[in-house]
Protein backbone atom coordinates (compact mmCIF):
# COMPACT_ATOMS: atom_id res chain seq x y z
CA UNK A 1 -51.53 162.94 -52.42
CA UNK A 2 -55.09 163.37 -51.31
CA UNK A 3 -56.69 166.55 -50.07
CA UNK A 4 -56.56 170.10 -51.37
CA UNK A 5 -53.22 170.69 -53.07
CA UNK A 6 -54.15 174.05 -54.57
CA UNK A 7 -52.17 176.10 -52.03
CA UNK A 8 -49.72 173.69 -50.39
CA UNK A 9 -46.46 175.33 -49.33
CA UNK A 10 -43.10 173.66 -50.01
CA UNK A 11 -39.65 174.71 -48.85
CA UNK A 12 -36.90 174.10 -51.44
CA UNK A 13 -33.23 174.40 -50.49
CA UNK A 14 -30.39 174.28 -52.99
CA UNK A 15 -26.82 173.14 -52.42
CA UNK A 16 -23.65 175.10 -51.88
CA UNK A 17 -21.61 173.34 -49.20
CA UNK A 18 -20.85 175.73 -46.34
CA UNK A 19 -23.03 178.34 -48.06
CA UNK A 20 -26.05 176.41 -46.76
CA UNK A 21 -25.54 178.32 -43.50
CA UNK A 22 -27.03 181.29 -45.36
CA UNK A 23 -30.28 179.32 -45.81
CA UNK A 24 -30.44 178.68 -42.08
CA UNK A 25 -29.95 182.35 -41.28
CA UNK A 26 -32.74 183.20 -43.72
CA UNK A 27 -35.08 180.68 -42.08
CA UNK A 28 -34.21 182.14 -38.68
CA UNK A 29 -35.23 185.57 -39.96
CA UNK A 30 -38.54 184.25 -41.31
CA UNK A 31 -39.22 182.47 -38.01
CA UNK A 32 -39.09 185.77 -36.14
CA UNK A 33 -42.33 186.73 -37.89
CA UNK A 34 -43.82 183.27 -38.44
CA UNK A 35 -43.29 181.40 -35.19
CA UNK A 36 -45.34 178.35 -36.19
CA UNK A 37 -45.07 178.37 -39.98
CA UNK A 38 -46.51 175.21 -41.52
CA UNK A 39 -44.07 173.56 -43.96
CA UNK A 40 -45.82 170.39 -45.14
CA UNK A 41 -43.30 169.66 -47.92
CA UNK A 42 -39.54 170.06 -47.49
CA UNK A 43 -36.93 169.27 -50.14
CA UNK A 44 -33.18 169.64 -50.16
CA UNK A 45 -30.15 168.84 -52.24
CA UNK A 46 -26.45 168.75 -51.32
CA UNK A 47 -25.87 170.68 -48.07
CA UNK A 48 -29.47 171.84 -48.34
CA UNK A 49 -30.39 168.21 -47.69
CA UNK A 50 -28.87 168.46 -44.21
CA UNK A 51 -31.04 171.47 -43.42
CA UNK A 52 -34.13 169.79 -44.92
CA UNK A 53 -33.58 166.61 -42.92
CA UNK A 54 -33.14 168.53 -39.67
CA UNK A 55 -36.37 170.51 -40.12
CA UNK A 56 -38.34 167.41 -41.14
CA UNK A 57 -36.94 165.33 -38.27
CA UNK A 58 -37.33 167.74 -35.35
CA UNK A 59 -40.48 168.47 -33.35
CA UNK A 60 -41.84 171.76 -32.07
CA UNK A 61 -42.59 175.08 -33.69
CA UNK A 62 -40.89 176.34 -36.82
CA UNK A 63 -39.11 179.00 -34.79
CA UNK A 64 -37.76 176.47 -32.30
CA UNK A 65 -36.43 174.31 -35.12
CA UNK A 66 -34.95 177.24 -37.08
CA UNK A 67 -33.23 178.65 -33.99
CA UNK A 68 -31.86 175.23 -33.01
CA UNK A 69 -30.54 174.63 -36.52
CA UNK A 70 -28.91 178.07 -36.50
CA UNK A 71 -27.19 177.26 -33.18
CA UNK A 72 -25.94 173.99 -34.64
CA UNK A 73 -24.36 175.79 -37.60
CA UNK A 74 -23.01 178.61 -35.42
CA UNK A 75 -21.12 176.12 -33.26
CA UNK A 76 -19.65 174.16 -36.18
CA UNK A 77 -15.95 174.05 -36.81
CA UNK A 78 -14.21 172.76 -39.88
CA UNK A 79 -12.85 169.68 -38.09
CA UNK A 80 -16.46 168.59 -37.41
CA UNK A 81 -16.94 168.23 -41.18
CA UNK A 82 -13.65 166.72 -42.36
CA UNK A 83 -10.18 166.05 -41.02
CA UNK A 84 -7.85 169.03 -41.44
CA UNK A 85 -4.85 167.92 -39.38
CA UNK A 86 -1.56 168.18 -41.24
CA UNK A 87 -1.05 164.42 -41.53
CA UNK A 88 -4.51 163.78 -43.05
CA UNK A 89 -4.26 166.66 -45.54
CA UNK A 90 -0.69 165.74 -46.55
CA UNK A 91 -1.53 162.04 -46.96
CA UNK A 92 -4.51 162.76 -49.21
CA UNK A 93 -2.71 165.40 -51.27
CA UNK A 94 0.32 163.17 -51.87
CA UNK A 95 -1.90 160.19 -52.56
CA UNK A 96 -3.82 161.98 -55.30
CA UNK A 97 -0.59 163.29 -56.79
CA UNK A 98 0.76 159.75 -56.89
CA UNK A 99 -2.41 158.48 -58.59
CA UNK A 100 -1.94 161.00 -61.39
CA UNK A 101 1.68 159.95 -61.93
CA UNK A 102 1.47 156.18 -61.57
CA UNK A 103 -1.03 155.33 -64.31
CA UNK A 104 -2.65 151.92 -63.95
CA UNK A 105 -0.49 151.08 -60.97
CA UNK A 106 -2.36 153.80 -59.05
CA UNK A 107 -5.17 151.30 -58.43
CA UNK A 108 -3.13 150.11 -55.49
CA UNK A 109 -3.68 153.51 -53.81
CA UNK A 110 -7.04 153.34 -52.06
CA UNK A 111 -8.04 156.99 -51.83
CA UNK A 112 -11.66 158.01 -52.13
CA UNK A 113 -11.56 161.80 -51.83
CA UNK A 114 -9.45 164.85 -51.07
CA UNK A 115 -10.69 164.98 -47.48
CA UNK A 116 -11.90 162.46 -44.89
CA UNK A 117 -15.54 163.23 -43.95
CA UNK A 118 -15.84 160.77 -41.07
CA UNK A 119 -16.43 163.72 -38.69
CA UNK A 120 -19.46 164.81 -40.75
CA UNK A 121 -21.19 161.49 -40.19
CA UNK A 122 -20.40 161.64 -36.47
CA UNK A 123 -21.77 165.19 -36.29
CA UNK A 124 -25.03 164.16 -37.98
CA UNK A 125 -25.39 161.16 -35.67
CA UNK A 126 -25.00 163.45 -32.68
CA UNK A 127 -27.51 166.06 -33.85
CA UNK A 128 -30.24 164.12 -35.67
CA UNK A 129 -32.63 161.77 -33.88
CA UNK A 130 -31.90 158.37 -35.40
CA UNK A 131 -32.30 154.65 -34.79
CA UNK A 132 -29.90 152.39 -36.68
CA UNK A 133 -29.25 155.33 -39.00
CA UNK A 134 -32.92 156.04 -39.83
CA UNK A 135 -34.34 159.45 -38.92
CA UNK A 136 -37.08 158.61 -36.43
CA UNK A 137 -38.59 162.09 -36.15
CA UNK A 138 -39.78 162.12 -39.77
CA UNK A 139 -42.43 159.38 -39.43
CA UNK A 140 -43.56 160.96 -36.15
CA UNK A 141 -44.13 164.31 -37.87
CA UNK A 142 -45.86 162.62 -40.81
CA UNK A 143 -48.17 160.73 -38.44
CA UNK A 144 -49.02 163.93 -36.53
CA UNK A 145 -49.84 165.77 -39.76
CA UNK A 146 -47.07 168.35 -39.36
CA UNK A 147 -45.25 166.95 -42.38
CA UNK A 148 -46.62 165.55 -45.64
CA UNK A 149 -43.36 164.67 -47.37
CA UNK A 150 -39.60 165.17 -47.49
CA UNK A 151 -37.37 164.68 -50.52
CA UNK A 152 -33.57 164.27 -50.58
CA UNK A 153 -31.79 164.09 -53.95
CA UNK A 154 -28.43 162.51 -54.82
CA UNK A 155 -26.63 161.59 -58.04
CA UNK A 156 -25.86 157.97 -58.79
CA UNK A 157 -22.32 157.42 -60.03
CA UNK A 158 -23.31 153.81 -60.71
CA UNK A 159 -26.20 154.52 -63.12
CA UNK A 160 -25.69 158.16 -64.07
CA UNK A 161 -29.19 159.07 -62.87
CA UNK A 162 -30.54 161.62 -60.42
CA UNK A 163 -32.33 159.81 -57.59
CA UNK A 164 -34.74 161.52 -55.20
CA UNK A 165 -35.48 159.60 -52.01
CA UNK A 166 -38.92 160.50 -50.68
CA UNK A 167 -40.77 159.76 -47.48
CA UNK A 168 -44.30 160.91 -46.78
CA UNK A 169 -48.00 160.29 -46.61
CA UNK A 170 -49.89 159.04 -49.69
CA UNK A 171 -47.12 159.86 -52.17
CA UNK A 172 -46.39 158.39 -55.57
CA UNK A 173 -43.15 157.71 -57.42
CA UNK A 174 -42.24 159.55 -60.62
CA UNK A 175 -39.74 158.93 -63.37
CA UNK A 176 -38.33 161.27 -66.00
CA UNK A 177 -35.34 161.20 -68.34
CA UNK A 178 -32.22 160.72 -66.20
CA UNK A 179 -34.11 161.14 -62.91
CA UNK A 180 -36.33 159.02 -60.71
CA UNK A 181 -37.83 158.92 -57.24
CA UNK A 182 -37.63 156.13 -54.67
CA UNK A 183 -40.01 155.82 -51.71
CA UNK A 184 -37.99 154.89 -48.63
CA UNK A 185 -37.29 155.76 -45.00
CA UNK A 186 -34.75 158.59 -44.94
CA UNK A 187 -31.40 157.41 -43.58
CA UNK A 188 -28.20 159.23 -42.63
CA UNK A 189 -26.53 157.74 -45.70
CA UNK A 190 -29.10 159.41 -47.96
CA UNK A 191 -28.19 162.80 -46.52
CA UNK A 192 -24.46 162.15 -46.59
CA UNK A 193 -24.70 161.02 -50.22
CA UNK A 194 -26.63 164.12 -51.26
CA UNK A 195 -24.05 166.38 -49.61
CA UNK A 196 -20.98 164.61 -51.02
CA UNK A 197 -19.15 167.23 -53.10
CA UNK A 198 -17.46 165.44 -56.02
CA UNK A 199 -13.74 164.74 -55.53
CA UNK A 200 -13.63 166.65 -52.22
CA UNK A 201 -15.97 164.28 -50.32
CA UNK A 202 -16.13 160.50 -50.82
CA UNK A 203 -19.00 158.79 -52.61
CA UNK A 204 -21.54 157.04 -50.39
CA UNK A 205 -22.94 153.57 -51.00
CA UNK A 206 -26.71 153.15 -50.69
CA UNK A 207 -28.32 149.80 -51.46
CA UNK A 208 -25.47 148.66 -53.70
CA UNK A 209 -24.99 151.84 -55.74
CA UNK A 210 -22.55 154.69 -55.23
CA UNK A 211 -23.86 158.25 -54.90
CA UNK A 212 -22.50 161.78 -54.83
CA UNK A 213 -23.77 165.34 -54.61
CA UNK A 214 -27.40 165.67 -55.63
CA UNK A 215 -26.78 168.76 -57.74
CA UNK A 216 -24.70 166.93 -60.35
CA UNK A 217 -27.60 165.47 -62.35
CA UNK A 218 -30.64 167.31 -61.00
CA UNK A 219 -31.65 169.34 -64.05
CA UNK A 220 -34.95 170.45 -62.47
CA UNK A 221 -34.28 171.32 -58.80
CA UNK A 222 -37.85 172.53 -58.19
CA UNK A 223 -39.43 169.35 -59.56
CA UNK A 224 -39.39 167.17 -56.39
CA UNK A 225 -41.46 169.75 -54.51
CA UNK A 226 -43.93 170.01 -57.40
CA UNK A 227 -44.22 166.23 -57.78
CA UNK A 228 -45.03 165.99 -54.08
CA UNK A 229 -47.89 168.45 -54.43
CA UNK A 230 -46.31 171.81 -53.66
CA UNK A 231 -48.16 174.71 -55.30
CA UNK A 232 -46.34 177.53 -53.50
CA UNK A 233 -42.56 177.12 -53.51
CA UNK A 234 -40.41 179.05 -51.07
CA UNK A 235 -36.95 178.48 -52.58
CA UNK A 236 -33.69 179.64 -51.01
CA UNK A 237 -30.65 179.77 -53.28
CA UNK A 238 -27.05 180.41 -52.21
CA UNK A 239 -26.15 181.95 -55.58
CA UNK A 240 -25.64 185.72 -55.66
CA UNK A 241 -27.11 187.44 -58.70
CA UNK A 242 -24.95 190.29 -59.88
CA UNK A 243 -26.45 193.71 -60.42
CA UNK A 244 -26.25 195.18 -63.90
CA UNK A 245 -23.25 197.39 -63.06
CA UNK A 246 -21.35 194.35 -61.69
CA UNK A 247 -21.78 191.91 -64.55
CA UNK A 248 -18.65 192.91 -66.43
CA UNK A 249 -16.39 192.99 -63.37
CA UNK A 250 -13.64 190.38 -63.54
CA UNK A 251 -12.60 188.12 -60.67
CA UNK A 252 -9.05 187.47 -61.90
CA UNK A 253 -6.21 189.51 -63.42
CA UNK A 254 -4.27 186.81 -65.23
CA UNK A 255 -4.76 183.25 -66.41
CA UNK A 256 -7.57 181.51 -64.45
CA UNK A 257 -6.15 179.35 -61.63
CA UNK A 258 -7.66 175.91 -60.91
CA UNK A 259 -9.71 177.36 -58.04
CA UNK A 260 -11.45 179.78 -60.42
CA UNK A 261 -12.12 177.09 -63.02
CA UNK A 262 -13.48 174.56 -60.52
CA UNK A 263 -15.53 177.24 -58.75
CA UNK A 264 -17.15 178.29 -62.03
CA UNK A 265 -17.85 174.65 -62.85
CA UNK A 266 -19.41 173.98 -59.44
CA UNK A 267 -21.63 177.06 -59.78
CA UNK A 268 -22.78 175.90 -63.20
CA UNK A 269 -23.54 172.37 -62.00
CA UNK A 270 -25.02 173.02 -58.56
CA UNK A 271 -26.53 176.50 -58.54
CA UNK A 272 -27.20 177.89 -62.01
CA UNK A 273 -29.76 175.16 -62.78
CA UNK A 274 -31.84 176.52 -59.90
CA UNK A 275 -32.25 179.79 -61.79
CA UNK A 276 -32.89 178.01 -65.10
CA UNK A 277 -35.63 175.90 -63.54
CA UNK A 278 -37.22 179.00 -61.99
CA UNK A 279 -37.29 180.65 -65.42
CA UNK A 280 -38.95 177.57 -66.96
CA UNK A 281 -41.56 177.59 -64.22
CA UNK A 282 -42.27 181.28 -64.76
CA UNK A 283 -42.76 180.75 -68.49
CA UNK A 284 -45.01 177.76 -67.91
CA UNK A 285 -47.15 179.79 -65.52
CA UNK A 286 -47.46 182.55 -68.12
CA UNK A 287 -48.48 179.99 -70.74
CA UNK A 288 -51.14 178.50 -68.46
CA UNK A 289 -52.64 181.96 -67.97
CA UNK A 290 -53.33 182.03 -71.69
CA UNK A 291 -55.31 178.80 -71.58
CA UNK A 292 -59.05 179.42 -72.10
CA UNK A 293 -61.36 178.90 -69.15
CA UNK A 294 -58.57 177.76 -66.84
CA UNK A 295 -58.42 174.35 -68.53
CA UNK A 296 -54.91 173.20 -67.64
CA UNK A 297 -55.37 169.45 -67.81
CA UNK A 298 -52.83 167.81 -65.49
CA UNK A 299 -50.76 171.01 -65.30
CA UNK A 300 -51.33 173.49 -62.48
CA UNK A 301 -49.90 176.97 -61.88
CA UNK A 302 -47.17 176.98 -59.26
CA UNK A 303 -46.26 180.15 -57.37
CA UNK A 304 -42.56 180.67 -56.69
CA UNK A 305 -40.68 183.01 -54.39
CA UNK A 306 -36.96 182.61 -55.11
CA UNK A 307 -34.75 184.20 -52.47
CA UNK A 308 -31.01 184.73 -52.74
CA UNK A 309 -28.07 186.45 -50.98
CA UNK A 310 -27.64 190.21 -51.19
CA UNK A 311 -23.85 189.73 -51.25
CA UNK A 312 -21.49 187.50 -53.24
CA UNK A 313 -20.71 184.64 -50.84
CA UNK A 314 -17.57 183.79 -52.81
CA UNK A 315 -16.18 187.29 -52.32
CA UNK A 316 -17.08 187.05 -48.64
CA UNK A 317 -14.99 183.87 -48.40
CA UNK A 318 -11.87 185.83 -49.38
CA UNK A 319 -12.14 187.81 -46.15
CA UNK A 320 -11.87 184.68 -44.02
CA UNK A 321 -9.35 182.64 -46.03
CA UNK A 322 -6.38 183.59 -43.78
CA UNK A 323 -8.03 181.91 -40.77
CA UNK A 324 -8.32 178.48 -42.41
CA UNK A 325 -6.34 175.66 -40.73
CA UNK A 326 -2.74 176.01 -41.90
CA UNK A 327 -2.37 172.67 -43.70
CA UNK A 328 -5.70 173.03 -45.50
CA UNK A 329 -4.91 176.65 -46.36
CA UNK A 330 -1.56 175.61 -47.83
CA UNK A 331 -3.27 173.05 -50.08
CA UNK A 332 -6.03 175.39 -51.29
CA UNK A 333 -3.55 178.17 -52.03
CA UNK A 334 -1.82 175.69 -54.30
CA UNK A 335 -5.07 175.72 -56.31
CA UNK A 336 -4.87 179.50 -56.64
CA UNK A 337 -7.40 180.66 -54.06
CA UNK A 338 -5.33 183.82 -53.54
CA UNK A 339 -5.49 184.63 -57.26
CA UNK A 340 -9.25 185.20 -57.48
CA UNK A 341 -11.48 187.86 -55.97
CA UNK A 342 -14.50 185.54 -55.76
CA UNK A 343 -13.61 182.27 -54.08
CA UNK A 344 -16.63 180.22 -55.08
CA UNK A 345 -14.69 176.97 -54.60
CA UNK A 346 -13.44 177.96 -51.17
CA UNK A 347 -16.90 179.11 -50.08
CA UNK A 348 -18.18 175.55 -50.54
CA UNK A 349 -15.72 174.00 -48.08
CA UNK A 350 -15.13 176.86 -45.62
CA UNK A 351 -16.91 175.36 -42.61
CA UNK A 352 -15.25 177.63 -40.08
CA UNK A 353 -17.02 179.66 -37.38
CA UNK A 354 -16.22 183.20 -38.54
CA UNK A 355 -17.42 182.64 -42.11
CA UNK A 356 -20.41 180.51 -41.05
CA UNK A 357 -21.61 183.12 -38.57
CA UNK A 358 -21.34 185.88 -41.15
CA UNK A 359 -23.48 183.76 -43.49
CA UNK A 360 -26.05 183.20 -40.75
CA UNK A 361 -26.22 186.91 -39.99
CA UNK A 362 -26.46 187.85 -43.67
CA UNK A 363 -29.29 185.36 -44.19
CA UNK A 364 -31.23 186.73 -41.23
CA UNK A 365 -30.72 190.33 -42.37
CA UNK A 366 -31.79 189.50 -45.93
CA UNK A 367 -34.94 187.79 -44.65
CA UNK A 368 -35.90 190.75 -42.49
CA UNK A 369 -35.24 193.15 -45.38
CA UNK A 370 -37.56 191.11 -47.62
CA UNK A 371 -40.20 190.48 -44.97
CA UNK A 372 -42.98 192.42 -46.70
CA UNK A 373 -42.55 190.30 -49.83
CA UNK A 374 -42.31 187.10 -47.77
CA UNK A 375 -45.43 187.94 -45.74
CA UNK A 376 -47.44 188.59 -48.87
CA UNK A 377 -46.32 185.27 -50.38
CA UNK A 378 -46.93 183.18 -47.25
CA UNK A 379 -50.36 184.69 -46.63
CA UNK A 380 -51.67 184.23 -50.18
């Protein structure tokens, strides 16, 4: 990109399914002090891609967009994301059970996922400005200078690579081991693909290849923002970091149920890499400081403010599990969601108003509590 990239701000949002409501609450808190914050680069993965697309596609001040996005999440219900009626849940559960038992003959059963996410696509169509599926507000914001670039990442089941779709002004592609970028016009299918939790949500076809959740293969979650020219990264994670006195606390009493195993796996795949990448960036910055005379070559220091929840969002999910739709609750309890004290798996798919609104409020409170640190970072 042309111009001065030495202090360009980028917003980076990780995945986490329903936990992405926490990011929106955090942005709402920031907006109370930065009404017209300039976010020239926005990147998102998984459910964070939905938030990124909304911010990049809407017009108006940062506060107007953050408040509108918060209202959208606050008014969500689980049946706006996937079908939870008894017939749909029972059909999918029995279908997957039959596939496991029927061997090769199971190919006759055409099931794509544990839940039907048709409502999610309809919700995005209703709330994002589109034309034939393309987000029309993004090029408008790029043309006006409010936006330099947006990046949405998904994982290709067809090729095994991480693919980042980018749209912006004067941007270049990049390619690394197992990951690549593609310049394109952002489409609803790009967002839906990035947010497609493996097994739970169906894969999405984009230009002949099948894609799933962007966190599966994205080993460097901060990299899209850096490739696009971001030199100050405001990153919002949905992963709680335990305090020292909490690290040895156990979440189960007996043998780990499937919900605990899958939840730990999802955390490792989608959220832990965010912390690993932040550590690599910190070490690289420290190394660059040791370079004589500020001679970095192509490398440049990148400032990072990584923000995260003050509470364990998985433990919070336990409080709201009894209010899940009955058929869906019956299925998840079969996975052992009542046998763990930190329902990381459940927190990914718990798109219900009481839990979502608690996440929004927690995000806003955390942002206000960290406002001195945020102000210092944004004003550097």
